[in-house]
């Protein structure tokens, strides 16, 4: 597992907390551990839930979204 930084959002609005360190198998796993729900790598601004990056690569952020429920 690697340690990632995770910055959380609620419906596209930053939650106001500093990025958290979390271990995960990959970026999505780390985001889901912090957010406590399944996430997807595509979505709309109102579904925006997390930014994840390796501490050694702060410019390489991946974004995750709450999936659209049917």
PDB file of N, CA and C in Angstrom:
ATOM      1  N   UNK A   1       0.845  -1.198   0.000  1.00  0.00           N
ATOM      2  CA  UNK A   1       0.000   0.000   0.000  1.00  0.00           C
ATOM      3  C   UNK A   1       0.876   1.242   0.000  1.00  0.00           C
ATOM      4  N   UNK A   2       0.354   2.278  -0.608  1.00  0.00           N
ATOM      5  CA  UNK A   2       1.036   3.567  -0.634  1.00  0.00           C
ATOM      6  C   UNK A   2       0.260   4.561   0.222  1.00  0.00           C
ATOM      7  N   UNK A   3       0.934   5.628   0.624  1.00  0.00           N
ATOM      8  CA  UNK A   3       0.267   6.701   1.351  1.00  0.00           C
ATOM      9  C   UNK A   3      -0.100   7.799   0.364  1.00  0.00           C
ATOM     10  N   UNK A   4      -1.370   8.190   0.383  1.00  0.00           N
ATOM     11  CA  UNK A   4      -1.899   9.234  -0.488  1.00  0.00           C
ATOM     12  C   UNK A   4      -2.411  10.393   0.357  1.00  0.00           C
ATOM     13  N   UNK A   5      -2.513  11.564  -0.260  1.00  0.00           N
ATOM     14  CA  UNK A   5      -3.198  12.721   0.315  1.00  0.00           C
ATOM     15  C   UNK A   5      -4.597  12.744  -0.286  1.00  0.00           C
ATOM     16  N   UNK A   6      -5.612  12.966   0.550  1.00  0.00           N
ATOM     17  CA  UNK A   6      -6.994  13.021   0.087  1.00  0.00           C
ATOM     18  C   UNK A   6      -7.633  14.309   0.602  1.00  0.00           C
ATOM     19  N   UNK A   7      -8.167  15.084  -0.319  1.00  0.00           N
ATOM     20  CA  UNK A   7      -8.899  16.315   0.013  1.00  0.00           C
ATOM     21  C   UNK A   7     -10.354  16.073  -0.374  1.00  0.00           C
ATOM     22  N   UNK A   8     -11.273  16.234   0.567  1.00  0.00           N
ATOM     23  CA  UNK A   8     -12.677  15.886   0.349  1.00  0.00           C
ATOM     24  C   UNK A   8     -13.560  17.088   0.033  1.00  0.00           C
ATOM     25  N   UNK A   9     -14.605  16.802  -0.690  1.00  0.00           N
ATOM     26  CA  UNK A   9     -15.599  17.789  -1.100  1.00  0.00           C
ATOM     27  C   UNK A   9     -16.984  17.214  -0.848  1.00  0.00           C
ATOM     28  N   UNK A  10     -17.961  18.088  -0.668  1.00  0.00           N
ATOM     29  CA  UNK A  10     -19.354  17.680  -0.524  1.00  0.00           C
ATOM     30  C   UNK A  10     -20.130  18.391  -1.617  1.00  0.00           C
ATOM     31  N   UNK A  11     -20.587  17.640  -2.608  1.00  0.00           N
ATOM     32  CA  UNK A  11     -21.299  18.204  -3.759  1.00  0.00           C
ATOM     33  C   UNK A  11     -20.484  19.310  -4.428  1.00  0.00           C
ATOM     34  N   UNK A  12     -19.181  19.097  -4.532  1.00  0.00           N
ATOM     35  CA  UNK A  12     -18.310  20.037  -5.210  1.00  0.00           C
ATOM     36  C   UNK A  12     -17.768  21.155  -4.342  1.00  0.00           C
ATOM     37  N   UNK A  13     -18.142  21.206  -3.070  1.00  0.00           N
ATOM     38  CA  UNK A  13     -17.683  22.254  -2.161  1.00  0.00           C
ATOM     39  C   UNK A  13     -16.693  21.646  -1.171  1.00  0.00           C
ATOM     40  N   UNK A  14     -15.496  22.234  -1.079  1.00  0.00           N
ATOM     41  CA  UNK A  14     -14.459  21.743  -0.174  1.00  0.00           C
ATOM     42  C   UNK A  14     -15.002  21.669   1.246  1.00  0.00           C
ATOM     43  N   UNK A  15     -14.685  20.585   1.958  1.00  0.00           N
ATOM     44  CA  UNK A  15     -15.200  20.395   3.322  1.00  0.00           C
ATOM     45  C   UNK A  15     -14.467  21.230   4.364  1.00  0.00           C
ATOM     46  N   UNK A  16     -13.433  21.974   3.952  1.00  0.00           N
ATOM     47  CA  UNK A  16     -12.722  22.876   4.859  1.00  0.00           C
ATOM     48  C   UNK A  16     -11.629  22.213   5.671  1.00  0.00           C
ATOM     49  N   UNK A  17     -11.451  20.919   5.534  1.00  0.00           N
ATOM     50  CA  UNK A  17     -10.420  20.197   6.282  1.00  0.00           C
ATOM     51  C   UNK A  17      -9.168  20.059   5.426  1.00  0.00           C
ATOM     52  N   UNK A  18      -8.032  20.086   6.092  1.00  0.00           N
ATOM     53  CA  UNK A  18      -6.768  19.893   5.391  1.00  0.00           C
ATOM     54  C   UNK A  18      -6.735  18.499   4.766  1.00  0.00           C
ATOM     55  N   UNK A  19      -5.973  18.326   3.684  1.00  0.00           N
ATOM     56  CA  UNK A  19      -5.854  16.983   3.095  1.00  0.00           C
ATOM     57  C   UNK A  19      -5.379  15.975   4.134  1.00  0.00           C
ATOM     58  N   UNK A  20      -5.965  14.785   4.061  1.00  0.00           N
ATOM     59  CA  UNK A  20      -5.638  13.739   5.012  1.00  0.00           C
ATOM     60  C   UNK A  20      -4.716  12.706   4.384  1.00  0.00           C
ATOM     61  N   UNK A  21      -3.845  12.136   5.198  1.00  0.00           N
ATOM     62  CA  UNK A  21      -2.987  11.051   4.749  1.00  0.00           C
ATOM     63  C   UNK A  21      -3.729   9.737   4.953  1.00  0.00           C
ATOM     64  N   UNK A  22      -3.720   8.884   3.929  1.00  0.00           N
ATOM     65  CA  UNK A  22      -4.377   7.583   4.037  1.00  0.00           C
ATOM     66  C   UNK A  22      -3.634   6.587   3.155  1.00  0.00           C
ATOM     67  N   UNK A  23      -3.551   5.368   3.633  1.00  0.00           N
ATOM     68  CA  UNK A  23      -2.935   4.320   2.840  1.00  0.00           C
ATOM     69  C   UNK A  23      -4.000   3.644   1.995  1.00  0.00           C
ATOM     70  N   UNK A  24      -3.600   3.295   0.771  1.00  0.00           N
ATOM     71  CA  UNK A  24      -4.517   2.606  -0.126  1.00  0.00           C
ATOM     72  C   UNK A  24      -3.758   1.864  -1.200  1.00  0.00           C
ATOM     73  N   UNK A  25      -4.472   0.978  -1.880  1.00  0.00           N
ATOM     74  CA  UNK A  25      -3.873   0.231  -2.981  1.00  0.00           C
ATOM     75  C   UNK A  25      -3.654   1.130  -4.194  1.00  0.00           C
ATOM     76  N   UNK A  26      -4.529   2.140  -4.357  1.00  0.00           N
ATOM     77  CA  UNK A  26      -4.440   3.109  -5.458  1.00  0.00           C
ATOM     78  C   UNK A  26      -5.224   4.347  -5.038  1.00  0.00           C
ATOM     79  N   UNK A  27      -5.300   5.330  -5.935  1.00  0.00           N
ATOM     80  CA  UNK A  27      -5.956   6.598  -5.604  1.00  0.00           C
ATOM     81  C   UNK A  27      -7.428   6.402  -5.253  1.00  0.00           C
ATOM     82  N   UNK A  28      -8.130   5.576  -6.041  1.00  0.00           N
ATOM     83  CA  UNK A  28      -9.554   5.379  -5.795  1.00  0.00           C
ATOM     84  C   UNK A  28      -9.789   4.690  -4.452  1.00  0.00           C
ATOM     85  N   UNK A  29      -8.981   3.693  -4.134  1.00  0.00           N
ATOM     86  CA  UNK A  29      -9.099   3.011  -2.847  1.00  0.00           C
ATOM     87  C   UNK A  29      -8.902   3.996  -1.697  1.00  0.00           C
ATOM     88  N   UNK A  30      -7.909   4.869  -1.810  1.00  0.00           N
ATOM     89  CA  UNK A  30      -7.649   5.862  -0.761  1.00  0.00           C
ATOM     90  C   UNK A  30      -8.839   6.810  -0.596  1.00  0.00           C
ATOM     91  N   UNK A  31      -9.388   7.285  -1.711  1.00  0.00           N
ATOM     92  CA  UNK A  31     -10.540   8.193  -1.655  1.00  0.00           C
ATOM     93  C   UNK A  31     -11.740   7.509  -1.015  1.00  0.00           C
ATOM     94  N   UNK A  32     -11.992   6.267  -1.379  1.00  0.00           N
ATOM     95  CA  UNK A  32     -13.134   5.547  -0.835  1.00  0.00           C
ATOM     96  C   UNK A  32     -12.957   5.257   0.653  1.00  0.00           C
ATOM     97  N   UNK A  33     -11.738   5.048   1.103  1.00  0.00           N
ATOM     98  CA  UNK A  33     -11.490   4.834   2.534  1.00  0.00           C
ATOM     99  C   UNK A  33     -11.844   6.081   3.341  1.00  0.00           C
ATOM    100  N   UNK A  34     -11.500   7.242   2.830  1.00  0.00           N
ATOM    101  CA  UNK A  34     -11.789   8.501   3.529  1.00  0.00           C
ATOM    102  C   UNK A  34     -13.265   8.876   3.400  1.00  0.00           C
ATOM    103  N   UNK A  35     -13.821   8.733   2.206  1.00  0.00           N
ATOM    104  CA  UNK A  35     -15.198   9.162   1.965  1.00  0.00           C
ATOM    105  C   UNK A  35     -16.239   8.150   2.429  1.00  0.00           C
ATOM    106  N   UNK A  36     -15.834   6.883   2.580  1.00  0.00           N
ATOM    107  CA  UNK A  36     -16.752   5.871   3.071  1.00  0.00           C
ATOM    108  C   UNK A  36     -17.810   5.431   2.086  1.00  0.00           C
ATOM    109  N   UNK A  37     -17.550   5.615   0.797  1.00  0.00           N
ATOM    110  CA  UNK A  37     -18.528   5.216  -0.215  1.00  0.00           C
ATOM    111  C   UNK A  37     -17.811   4.903  -1.522  1.00  0.00           C
ATOM    112  N   UNK A  38     -18.491   4.175  -2.395  1.00  0.00           N
ATOM    113  CA  UNK A  38     -17.954   3.896  -3.725  1.00  0.00           C
ATOM    114  C   UNK A  38     -17.902   5.192  -4.518  1.00  0.00           C
ATOM    115  N   UNK A  39     -16.819   5.379  -5.260  1.00  0.00           N
ATOM    116  CA  UNK A  39     -16.642   6.569  -6.082  1.00  0.00           C
ATOM    117  C   UNK A  39     -16.278   6.158  -7.499  1.00  0.00           C
ATOM    118  N   UNK A  40     -16.412   7.094  -8.421  1.00  0.00           N
ATOM    119  CA  UNK A  40     -16.070   6.867  -9.812  1.00  0.00           C
ATOM    120  C   UNK A  40     -15.135   7.972 -10.278  1.00  0.00           C
ATOM    121  N   UNK A  41     -14.415   7.730 -11.364  1.00  0.00           N
ATOM    122  CA  UNK A  41     -13.451   8.728 -11.838  1.00  0.00           C
ATOM    123  C   UNK A  41     -14.038   9.718 -12.828  1.00  0.00           C
ATOM    124  N   UNK A  42     -15.343   9.726 -13.010  1.00  0.00           N
ATOM    125  CA  UNK A  42     -15.986  10.694 -13.894  1.00  0.00           C
ATOM    126  C   UNK A  42     -17.302  11.152 -13.318  1.00  0.00           C
ATOM    127  N   UNK A  43     -17.659  12.389 -13.591  1.00  0.00           N
ATOM    128  CA  UNK A  43     -18.922  12.901 -13.094  1.00  0.00           C
ATOM    129  C   UNK A  43     -19.079  14.382 -13.371  1.00  0.00           C
ATOM    130  N   UNK A  44     -20.097  14.958 -12.793  1.00  0.00           N
ATOM    131  CA  UNK A  44     -20.413  16.379 -12.959  1.00  0.00           C
ATOM    132  C   UNK A  44     -19.955  17.151 -11.723  1.00  0.00           C
ATOM    133  N   UNK A  45     -19.824  18.478 -11.835  1.00  0.00           N
ATOM    134  CA  UNK A  45     -19.341  19.270 -10.700  1.00  0.00           C
ATOM    135  C   UNK A  45     -20.095  19.033  -9.393  1.00  0.00           C
ATOM    136  N   UNK A  46     -21.385  18.862  -9.416  1.00  0.00           N
ATOM    137  CA  UNK A  46     -22.163  18.641  -8.202  1.00  0.00           C
ATOM    138  C   UNK A  46     -21.934  17.285  -7.558  1.00  0.00           C
ATOM    139  N   UNK A  47     -21.264  16.389  -8.279  1.00  0.00           N
ATOM    140  CA  UNK A  47     -20.964  15.060  -7.762  1.00  0.00           C
ATOM    141  C   UNK A  47     -19.515  14.972  -7.263  1.00  0.00           C
ATOM    142  N   UNK A  48     -18.772  16.075  -7.390  1.00  0.00           N
ATOM    143  CA  UNK A  48     -17.344  16.072  -7.055  1.00  0.00           C
ATOM    144  C   UNK A  48     -17.149  15.737  -5.589  1.00  0.00           C
ATOM    145  N   UNK A  49     -16.287  14.731  -5.286  1.00  0.00           N
ATOM    146  CA  UNK A  49     -16.169  14.247  -3.918  1.00  0.00           C
ATOM    147  C   UNK A  49     -14.755  14.246  -3.359  1.00  0.00           C
ATOM    148  N   UNK A  50     -13.715  14.022  -4.207  1.00  0.00           N
ATOM    149  CA  UNK A  50     -12.362  13.923  -3.654  1.00  0.00           C
ATOM    150  C   UNK A  50     -11.278  14.198  -4.687  1.00  0.00           C
ATOM    151  N   UNK A  51     -10.167  14.763  -4.209  1.00  0.00           N
ATOM    152  CA  UNK A  51      -8.926  14.894  -4.965  1.00  0.00           C
ATOM    153  C   UNK A  51      -7.904  14.026  -4.241  1.00  0.00           C
ATOM    154  N   UNK A  52      -7.131  13.270  -5.004  1.00  0.00           N
ATOM    155  CA  UNK A  52      -6.158  12.357  -4.402  1.00  0.00           C
ATOM    156  C   UNK A  52      -4.833  12.490  -5.146  1.00  0.00           C
ATOM    157  N   UNK A  53      -3.718  12.463  -4.379  1.00  0.00           N
ATOM    158  CA  UNK A  53      -2.402  12.531  -4.987  1.00  0.00           C
ATOM    159  C   UNK A  53      -1.360  11.915  -4.072  1.00  0.00           C
ATOM    160  N   UNK A  54      -0.249  11.552  -4.668  1.00  0.00           N
ATOM    161  CA  UNK A  54       0.903  11.099  -3.894  1.00  0.00           C
ATOM    162  C   UNK A  54       1.603  12.322  -3.337  1.00  0.00           C
ATOM    163  N   UNK A  55       2.047  12.298  -2.092  1.00  0.00           N
ATOM    164  CA  UNK A  55       2.738  13.458  -1.528  1.00  0.00           C
ATOM    165  C   UNK A  55       3.949  13.895  -2.359  1.00  0.00           C
ATOM    166  N   UNK A  56       4.590  12.950  -3.032  1.00  0.00           N
ATOM    167  CA  UNK A  56       5.754  13.276  -3.857  1.00  0.00           C
ATOM    168  C   UNK A  56       5.376  13.861  -5.217  1.00  0.00           C
ATOM    169  N   UNK A  57       4.076  13.821  -5.578  1.00  0.00           N
ATOM    170  CA  UNK A  57       3.608  14.335  -6.871  1.00  0.00           C
ATOM    171  C   UNK A  57       2.346  15.187  -6.693  1.00  0.00           C
ATOM    172  N   UNK A  58       2.441  16.320  -6.019  1.00  0.00           N
ATOM    173  CA  UNK A  58       1.239  17.123  -5.748  1.00  0.00           C
ATOM    174  C   UNK A  58       0.558  17.672  -7.001  1.00  0.00           C
ATOM    175  N   UNK A  59       1.267  17.725  -8.117  1.00  0.00           N
ATOM    176  CA  UNK A  59       0.656  18.223  -9.349  1.00  0.00           C
ATOM    177  C   UNK A  59      -0.093  17.157 -10.125  1.00  0.00           C
ATOM    178  N   UNK A  60      -0.030  15.920  -9.677  1.00  0.00           N
ATOM    179  CA  UNK A  60      -0.678  14.801 -10.377  1.00  0.00           C
ATOM    180  C   UNK A  60      -1.902  14.333  -9.594  1.00  0.00           C
ATOM    181  N   UNK A  61      -2.892  15.212  -9.482  1.00  0.00           N
ATOM    182  CA  UNK A  61      -4.099  14.890  -8.710  1.00  0.00           C
ATOM    183  C   UNK A  61      -5.105  14.142  -9.572  1.00  0.00           C
ATOM    184  N   UNK A  62      -5.774  13.172  -8.958  1.00  0.00           N
ATOM    185  CA  UNK A  62      -6.881  12.470  -9.595  1.00  0.00           C
ATOM    186  C   UNK A  62      -8.155  12.877  -8.872  1.00  0.00           C
ATOM    187  N   UNK A  63      -9.230  13.010  -9.628  1.00  0.00           N
ATOM    188  CA  UNK A  63     -10.507  13.454  -9.076  1.00  0.00           C
ATOM    189  C   UNK A  63     -11.513  12.307  -9.088  1.00  0.00           C
ATOM    190  N   UNK A  64     -12.350  12.280  -8.057  1.00  0.00           N
ATOM    191  CA  UNK A  64     -13.366  11.233  -7.939  1.00  0.00           C
ATOM    192  C   UNK A  64     -14.713  11.844  -7.606  1.00  0.00           C
ATOM    193  N   UNK A  65     -15.758  11.142  -8.046  1.00  0.00           N
ATOM    194  CA  UNK A  65     -17.131  11.645  -7.965  1.00  0.00           C
ATOM    195  C   UNK A  65     -18.062  10.594  -7.367  1.00  0.00           C
ATOM    196  N   UNK A  66     -19.176  11.059  -6.826  1.00  0.00           N
ATOM    197  CA  UNK A  66     -20.231  10.173  -6.366  1.00  0.00           C
ATOM    198  C   UNK A  66     -20.923   9.634  -7.623  1.00  0.00           C
ATOM    199  N   UNK A  67     -21.073   8.321  -7.742  1.00  0.00           N
ATOM    200  CA  UNK A  67     -21.745   7.774  -8.938  1.00  0.00           C
ATOM    201  C   UNK A  67     -23.203   8.214  -9.009  1.00  0.00           C
ATOM    202  N   UNK A  68     -23.707   8.297 -10.228  1.00  0.00           N
ATOM    203  CA  UNK A  68     -25.116   8.624 -10.432  1.00  0.00           C
ATOM    204  C   UNK A  68     -25.930   7.406 -10.046  1.00  0.00           C
ATOM    205  N   UNK A  69     -26.911   7.594  -9.183  1.00  0.00           N
ATOM    206  CA  UNK A  69     -27.770   6.478  -8.801  1.00  0.00           C
ATOM    207  C   UNK A  69     -28.964   6.426  -9.742  1.00  0.00           C
ATOM    208  N   UNK A  70     -29.355   5.232 -10.092  1.00  0.00           N
ATOM    209  CA  UNK A  70     -30.482   5.047 -11.037  1.00  0.00           C
ATOM    210  C   UNK A  70     -31.788   4.983 -10.312  1.00  0.00           C
TER     211      UNK A  70
END
